[in-house]
């Protein structure tokens, strides 16, 4: 490499110059300090949000099932069927929400490396 040429960047961390690596780390640290680290209450709030996203559809399914069993008695248990449907819907909802949050964190880390 000649002194007048700048090193080319291919995107691989091993191909970066030391200055680029240090710059990327410094920028990531500054961004983390500006945004602050989420506290304990934030974590508890997120766990609560995920929990409620499962509990609410489950309870709504059970309540609808109880109402249907009282109105239309028969050989099938609507309560059990709709309880399971609500639980499944709630778990899918929670999985989707956590997946979106993970993707957002991953994208933020990639943007910090660029």
N, C-alpha and C. Protein backbone atom coordinates (compact mmCIF):
# COMPACT_ATOMS: atom_id res chain seq x y z
N UNK A 1 0.84 -1.17 0.00
CA UNK A 1 0.00 0.00 0.00
C UNK A 1 0.89 1.24 0.00
N UNK A 2 0.58 2.15 -0.86
CA UNK A 2 1.38 3.37 -0.95
C UNK A 2 0.86 4.41 0.02
N UNK A 3 1.69 5.35 0.45
CA UNK A 3 1.25 6.33 1.45
C UNK A 3 0.13 7.26 0.96
N UNK A 4 0.01 7.48 -0.35
CA UNK A 4 -0.99 8.41 -0.83
C UNK A 4 -2.37 7.76 -1.01
N UNK A 5 -2.45 6.45 -0.92
CA UNK A 5 -3.74 5.76 -1.08
C UNK A 5 -4.37 5.52 0.28
N UNK A 6 -5.68 5.72 0.33
CA UNK A 6 -6.42 5.38 1.55
C UNK A 6 -6.77 3.90 1.49
N UNK A 7 -6.79 3.24 2.64
CA UNK A 7 -7.18 1.82 2.62
C UNK A 7 -8.66 1.70 2.26
N UNK A 8 -8.96 0.71 1.48
CA UNK A 8 -10.36 0.47 1.11
C UNK A 8 -11.01 -0.36 2.20
N UNK A 9 -12.29 -0.13 2.36
CA UNK A 9 -13.03 -0.83 3.41
C UNK A 9 -13.98 -1.81 2.76
N UNK A 10 -13.86 -3.08 3.08
CA UNK A 10 -14.71 -4.10 2.48
C UNK A 10 -15.88 -4.47 3.36
N UNK A 11 -15.92 -3.97 4.59
CA UNK A 11 -17.04 -4.28 5.46
C UNK A 11 -16.71 -5.34 6.49
N UNK A 12 -15.70 -6.11 6.26
CA UNK A 12 -15.31 -7.14 7.22
C UNK A 12 -14.55 -6.49 8.36
N UNK A 13 -14.85 -6.87 9.61
CA UNK A 13 -14.14 -6.27 10.74
C UNK A 13 -12.64 -6.51 10.69
N UNK A 14 -12.20 -7.59 10.09
CA UNK A 14 -10.77 -7.86 10.03
C UNK A 14 -10.08 -7.00 8.98
N UNK A 15 -10.83 -6.49 7.99
CA UNK A 15 -10.25 -5.66 6.95
C UNK A 15 -10.21 -4.18 7.32
N UNK A 16 -10.84 -3.80 8.39
CA UNK A 16 -10.86 -2.41 8.81
C UNK A 16 -9.51 -2.01 9.37
N UNK A 17 -9.24 -0.74 9.26
CA UNK A 17 -8.02 -0.24 9.88
C UNK A 17 -8.29 -0.07 11.37
N UNK A 18 -7.23 0.05 12.11
CA UNK A 18 -7.34 0.22 13.55
C UNK A 18 -8.10 1.50 13.87
N UNK A 19 -7.84 2.56 13.12
CA UNK A 19 -8.52 3.84 13.37
C UNK A 19 -10.03 3.70 13.15
N UNK A 20 -10.45 2.97 12.14
CA UNK A 20 -11.87 2.78 11.89
C UNK A 20 -12.52 1.98 13.01
N UNK A 21 -11.84 0.96 13.49
CA UNK A 21 -12.38 0.14 14.57
C UNK A 21 -12.52 0.96 15.85
N UNK A 22 -11.50 1.75 16.17
CA UNK A 22 -11.54 2.58 17.37
C UNK A 22 -12.64 3.64 17.23
N UNK A 23 -12.76 4.23 16.05
CA UNK A 23 -13.80 5.24 15.81
C UNK A 23 -15.20 4.66 15.97
N UNK A 24 -15.41 3.47 15.43
CA UNK A 24 -16.72 2.83 15.53
C UNK A 24 -17.06 2.52 16.99
N UNK A 25 -16.08 2.04 17.75
CA UNK A 25 -16.31 1.74 19.16
C UNK A 25 -16.61 3.01 19.95
N UNK A 26 -15.86 4.08 19.67
CA UNK A 26 -16.08 5.33 20.38
C UNK A 26 -17.48 5.88 20.08
N UNK A 27 -17.88 5.82 18.83
CA UNK A 27 -19.21 6.31 18.46
C UNK A 27 -20.30 5.49 19.14
N UNK A 28 -20.11 4.17 19.21
CA UNK A 28 -21.08 3.30 19.87
C UNK A 28 -21.18 3.63 21.36
N UNK A 29 -20.04 3.88 22.00
CA UNK A 29 -20.04 4.23 23.43
C UNK A 29 -20.73 5.57 23.67
N UNK A 30 -20.45 6.55 22.81
CA UNK A 30 -21.10 7.86 22.96
C UNK A 30 -22.61 7.75 22.78
N UNK A 31 -23.05 6.96 21.81
CA UNK A 31 -24.47 6.76 21.58
C UNK A 31 -25.12 6.08 22.78
N UNK A 32 -24.43 5.11 23.37
CA UNK A 32 -24.96 4.41 24.54
C UNK A 32 -25.06 5.35 25.74
N UNK A 33 -24.09 6.23 25.90
CA UNK A 33 -24.13 7.18 27.01
C UNK A 33 -25.26 8.19 26.84
N UNK A 34 -25.48 8.62 25.59
CA UNK A 34 -26.56 9.59 25.34
C UNK A 34 -27.92 8.97 25.60
N UNK A 35 -28.10 7.74 25.12
CA UNK A 35 -29.41 7.11 25.28
C UNK A 35 -29.61 6.57 26.69
N UNK A 36 -28.55 6.32 27.40
CA UNK A 36 -28.66 5.81 28.76
C UNK A 36 -29.03 4.33 28.77
N UNK A 37 -28.68 3.69 29.85
CA UNK A 37 -29.02 2.27 29.96
C UNK A 37 -30.39 2.15 30.60
N UNK A 38 -31.21 1.25 30.09
CA UNK A 38 -32.52 1.07 30.70
C UNK A 38 -32.37 0.55 32.12
N UNK A 39 -33.17 1.08 33.02
CA UNK A 39 -33.09 0.70 34.42
C UNK A 39 -33.89 -0.56 34.73
N UNK A 40 -33.94 -0.86 36.00
CA UNK A 40 -34.66 -2.03 36.48
C UNK A 40 -36.15 -1.90 36.19
N UNK A 41 -36.68 -0.70 36.37
CA UNK A 41 -38.11 -0.49 36.14
C UNK A 41 -38.48 -0.70 34.68
N UNK A 42 -37.57 -0.31 33.79
CA UNK A 42 -37.82 -0.54 32.36
C UNK A 42 -37.92 -2.04 32.07
N UNK A 43 -36.99 -2.81 32.63
CA UNK A 43 -37.00 -4.27 32.43
C UNK A 43 -38.25 -4.91 33.01
N UNK A 44 -38.64 -4.48 34.21
CA UNK A 44 -39.86 -5.01 34.81
C UNK A 44 -41.09 -4.63 33.99
N UNK A 45 -41.08 -3.42 33.47
CA UNK A 45 -42.19 -2.98 32.63
C UNK A 45 -42.30 -3.82 31.36
N UNK A 46 -41.16 -4.14 30.76
CA UNK A 46 -41.17 -4.96 29.55
C UNK A 46 -41.67 -6.38 29.86
N UNK A 47 -41.23 -6.94 30.98
CA UNK A 47 -41.71 -8.26 31.36
C UNK A 47 -43.22 -8.22 31.60
N UNK A 48 -43.68 -7.15 32.23
CA UNK A 48 -45.10 -7.00 32.47
C UNK A 48 -45.89 -6.87 31.17
N UNK A 49 -45.33 -6.12 30.24
CA UNK A 49 -46.00 -5.93 28.96
C UNK A 49 -46.12 -7.25 28.21
N UNK A 50 -45.06 -8.04 28.21
CA UNK A 50 -45.10 -9.34 27.55
C UNK A 50 -46.07 -10.27 28.27
N UNK A 51 -46.06 -10.23 29.60
CA UNK A 51 -46.98 -11.07 30.37
C UNK A 51 -48.43 -10.73 30.08
N UNK A 52 -48.74 -9.44 30.07
CA UNK A 52 -50.11 -9.04 29.79
C UNK A 52 -50.52 -9.37 28.36
N UNK A 53 -49.56 -9.34 27.43
CA UNK A 53 -49.91 -9.68 26.04
C UNK A 53 -50.29 -11.16 25.91
N UNK A 54 -49.91 -11.98 26.88
CA UNK A 54 -50.31 -13.38 26.88
C UNK A 54 -51.58 -13.57 27.73
N UNK A 55 -51.64 -12.91 28.87
CA UNK A 55 -52.74 -13.11 29.81
C UNK A 55 -54.08 -12.60 29.27
N UNK A 56 -54.08 -11.43 28.67
CA UNK A 56 -55.35 -10.82 28.24
C UNK A 56 -56.08 -11.69 27.21
N UNK A 57 -55.43 -12.13 26.11
CA UNK A 57 -56.17 -12.99 25.18
C UNK A 57 -56.60 -14.32 25.80
N UNK A 58 -55.79 -14.85 26.72
CA UNK A 58 -56.15 -16.10 27.38
C UNK A 58 -57.41 -15.93 28.22
N UNK A 59 -57.46 -14.87 29.01
CA UNK A 59 -58.64 -14.62 29.84
C UNK A 59 -59.87 -14.27 29.00
N UNK A 60 -59.68 -13.53 27.93
CA UNK A 60 -60.81 -13.22 27.05
C UNK A 60 -61.36 -14.49 26.40
N UNK A 61 -60.48 -15.38 25.99
CA UNK A 61 -60.92 -16.66 25.42
C UNK A 61 -61.67 -17.50 26.43
N UNK A 62 -61.17 -17.55 27.66
CA UNK A 62 -61.86 -18.32 28.71
C UNK A 62 -63.22 -17.71 29.03
N UNK A 63 -63.29 -16.39 29.09
CA UNK A 63 -64.57 -15.73 29.40
C UNK A 63 -65.59 -15.97 28.28
N UNK A 64 -65.15 -15.85 27.04
CA UNK A 64 -66.04 -16.12 25.92
C UNK A 64 -66.49 -17.58 25.91
N UNK A 65 -65.57 -18.48 26.24
CA UNK A 65 -65.91 -19.90 26.33
C UNK A 65 -66.92 -20.20 27.41
N UNK A 66 -66.76 -19.58 28.58
CA UNK A 66 -67.74 -19.75 29.66
C UNK A 66 -69.12 -19.24 29.23
N UNK A 67 -69.14 -18.10 28.58
CA UNK A 67 -70.41 -17.54 28.11
C UNK A 67 -71.07 -18.47 27.10
N UNK A 68 -70.27 -19.00 26.17
CA UNK A 68 -70.84 -19.92 25.17
C UNK A 68 -71.32 -21.22 25.81
N UNK A 69 -70.58 -21.74 26.80
CA UNK A 69 -70.99 -22.97 27.48
C UNK A 69 -72.31 -22.77 28.24
N UNK A 70 -72.52 -21.58 28.81
CA UNK A 70 -73.77 -21.31 29.52
C UNK A 70 -74.94 -21.14 28.56
N UNK A 71 -74.69 -20.51 27.43
CA UNK A 71 -75.75 -20.24 26.46
C UNK A 71 -76.11 -21.47 25.63
N UNK A 72 -75.08 -22.21 25.23
CA UNK A 72 -75.29 -23.36 24.35
C UNK A 72 -74.63 -24.60 24.95
N UNK A 73 -75.24 -25.20 25.96
CA UNK A 73 -74.64 -26.39 26.57
C UNK A 73 -74.62 -27.54 25.57
N UNK A 74 -73.58 -28.32 25.64
CA UNK A 74 -73.45 -29.45 24.73
C UNK A 74 -72.31 -30.34 25.16
N UNK A 75 -71.91 -31.21 24.29
CA UNK A 75 -70.85 -32.16 24.58
C UNK A 75 -69.45 -31.56 24.53
N UNK A 76 -69.34 -30.40 23.89
CA UNK A 76 -68.01 -29.79 23.75
C UNK A 76 -67.81 -28.71 24.79
N UNK A 77 -66.56 -28.54 25.19
CA UNK A 77 -66.23 -27.49 26.15
C UNK A 77 -65.66 -26.30 25.39
N UNK A 78 -66.48 -25.28 25.21
CA UNK A 78 -66.00 -24.06 24.55
C UNK A 78 -64.98 -23.35 25.42
N UNK A 79 -65.12 -23.48 26.72
CA UNK A 79 -64.19 -22.81 27.63
C UNK A 79 -62.77 -23.30 27.40
N UNK A 80 -62.59 -24.60 27.38
CA UNK A 80 -61.25 -25.16 27.18
C UNK A 80 -60.70 -24.83 25.79
N UNK A 81 -61.54 -24.95 24.78
CA UNK A 81 -61.08 -24.68 23.41
C UNK A 81 -60.67 -23.22 23.23
N UNK A 82 -61.49 -22.29 23.72
CA UNK A 82 -61.17 -20.88 23.55
C UNK A 82 -60.07 -20.41 24.50
N UNK A 83 -59.93 -21.09 25.63
CA UNK A 83 -58.80 -20.80 26.52
C UNK A 83 -57.50 -21.14 25.80
N UNK A 84 -57.45 -22.28 25.16
CA UNK A 84 -56.24 -22.68 24.41
C UNK A 84 -56.00 -21.76 23.21
N UNK A 85 -57.09 -21.37 22.53
CA UNK A 85 -56.95 -20.46 21.39
C UNK A 85 -56.42 -19.11 21.87
N UNK A 86 -56.92 -18.60 22.99
CA UNK A 86 -56.43 -17.33 23.53
C UNK A 86 -54.98 -17.42 23.97
N UNK A 87 -54.62 -18.54 24.58
CA UNK A 87 -53.23 -18.73 24.99
C UNK A 87 -52.31 -18.77 23.78
N UNK A 88 -52.72 -19.48 22.75
CA UNK A 88 -51.91 -19.54 21.53
C UNK A 88 -51.77 -18.17 20.90
N UNK A 89 -52.86 -17.44 20.80
CA UNK A 89 -52.82 -16.10 20.24
C UNK A 89 -51.93 -15.18 21.07
N UNK A 90 -52.03 -15.27 22.38
CA UNK A 90 -51.19 -14.45 23.25
C UNK A 90 -49.72 -14.78 23.12
N UNK A 91 -49.39 -16.05 23.03
CA UNK A 91 -47.98 -16.45 22.86
C UNK A 91 -47.44 -15.98 21.53
N UNK A 92 -48.24 -16.08 20.48
CA UNK A 92 -47.81 -15.58 19.17
C UNK A 92 -47.61 -14.07 19.20
N UNK A 93 -48.50 -13.37 19.90
CA UNK A 93 -48.37 -11.93 20.04
C UNK A 93 -47.08 -11.57 20.77
N UNK A 94 -46.79 -12.23 21.86
CA UNK A 94 -45.58 -11.97 22.63
C UNK A 94 -44.34 -12.30 21.81
N UNK A 95 -44.37 -13.43 21.09
CA UNK A 95 -43.23 -13.81 20.26
C UNK A 95 -42.98 -12.75 19.18
N UNK A 96 -44.04 -12.26 18.57
CA UNK A 96 -43.91 -11.25 17.52
C UNK A 96 -43.30 -9.96 18.09
N UNK A 97 -43.76 -9.56 19.27
CA UNK A 97 -43.28 -8.34 19.89
C UNK A 97 -41.80 -8.46 20.25
N UNK A 98 -41.42 -9.58 20.87
CA UNK A 98 -40.02 -9.79 21.25
C UNK A 98 -39.13 -9.88 20.01
N UNK A 99 -39.63 -10.51 18.97
CA UNK A 99 -38.87 -10.62 17.72
C UNK A 99 -38.62 -9.23 17.12
N UNK A 100 -39.62 -8.37 17.14
CA UNK A 100 -39.45 -7.00 16.62
C UNK A 100 -38.44 -6.22 17.45
N UNK A 101 -38.48 -6.37 18.77
CA UNK A 101 -37.53 -5.68 19.63
C UNK A 101 -36.10 -6.18 19.39
N UNK A 102 -35.95 -7.49 19.23
CA UNK A 102 -34.63 -8.06 18.96
C UNK A 102 -34.09 -7.56 17.63
N UNK A 103 -34.96 -7.50 16.62
CA UNK A 103 -34.55 -7.01 15.31
C UNK A 103 -34.13 -5.54 15.39
N UNK A 104 -34.86 -4.74 16.17
CA UNK A 104 -34.52 -3.33 16.33
C UNK A 104 -33.17 -3.17 17.02
N UNK A 105 -32.90 -3.99 18.05
CA UNK A 105 -31.61 -3.92 18.72
C UNK A 105 -30.48 -4.35 17.79
N UNK A 106 -30.73 -5.39 17.00
CA UNK A 106 -29.73 -5.88 16.06
C UNK A 106 -29.43 -4.82 14.99
N UNK A 107 -30.48 -4.17 14.48
CA UNK A 107 -30.28 -3.12 13.47
C UNK A 107 -29.53 -1.95 14.04
N UNK A 108 -29.80 -1.61 15.31
CA UNK A 108 -29.10 -0.51 15.97
C UNK A 108 -27.62 -0.83 16.11
N UNK A 109 -27.28 -2.08 16.44
CA UNK A 109 -25.88 -2.46 16.55
C UNK A 109 -25.20 -2.42 15.19
N UNK A 110 -25.90 -2.88 14.14
CA UNK A 110 -25.31 -2.83 12.80
C UNK A 110 -25.09 -1.41 12.35
N UNK A 111 -26.04 -0.52 12.66
CA UNK A 111 -25.87 0.88 12.29
C UNK A 111 -24.70 1.50 13.02
N UNK A 112 -24.46 1.05 14.23
CA UNK A 112 -23.31 1.57 15.00
C UNK A 112 -21.99 1.11 14.44
N UNK A 113 -21.95 -0.03 13.76
CA UNK A 113 -20.70 -0.54 13.19
C UNK A 113 -20.38 0.10 11.86
N UNK A 114 -21.38 0.65 11.19
CA UNK A 114 -21.16 1.20 9.85
C UNK A 114 -20.37 2.48 9.89
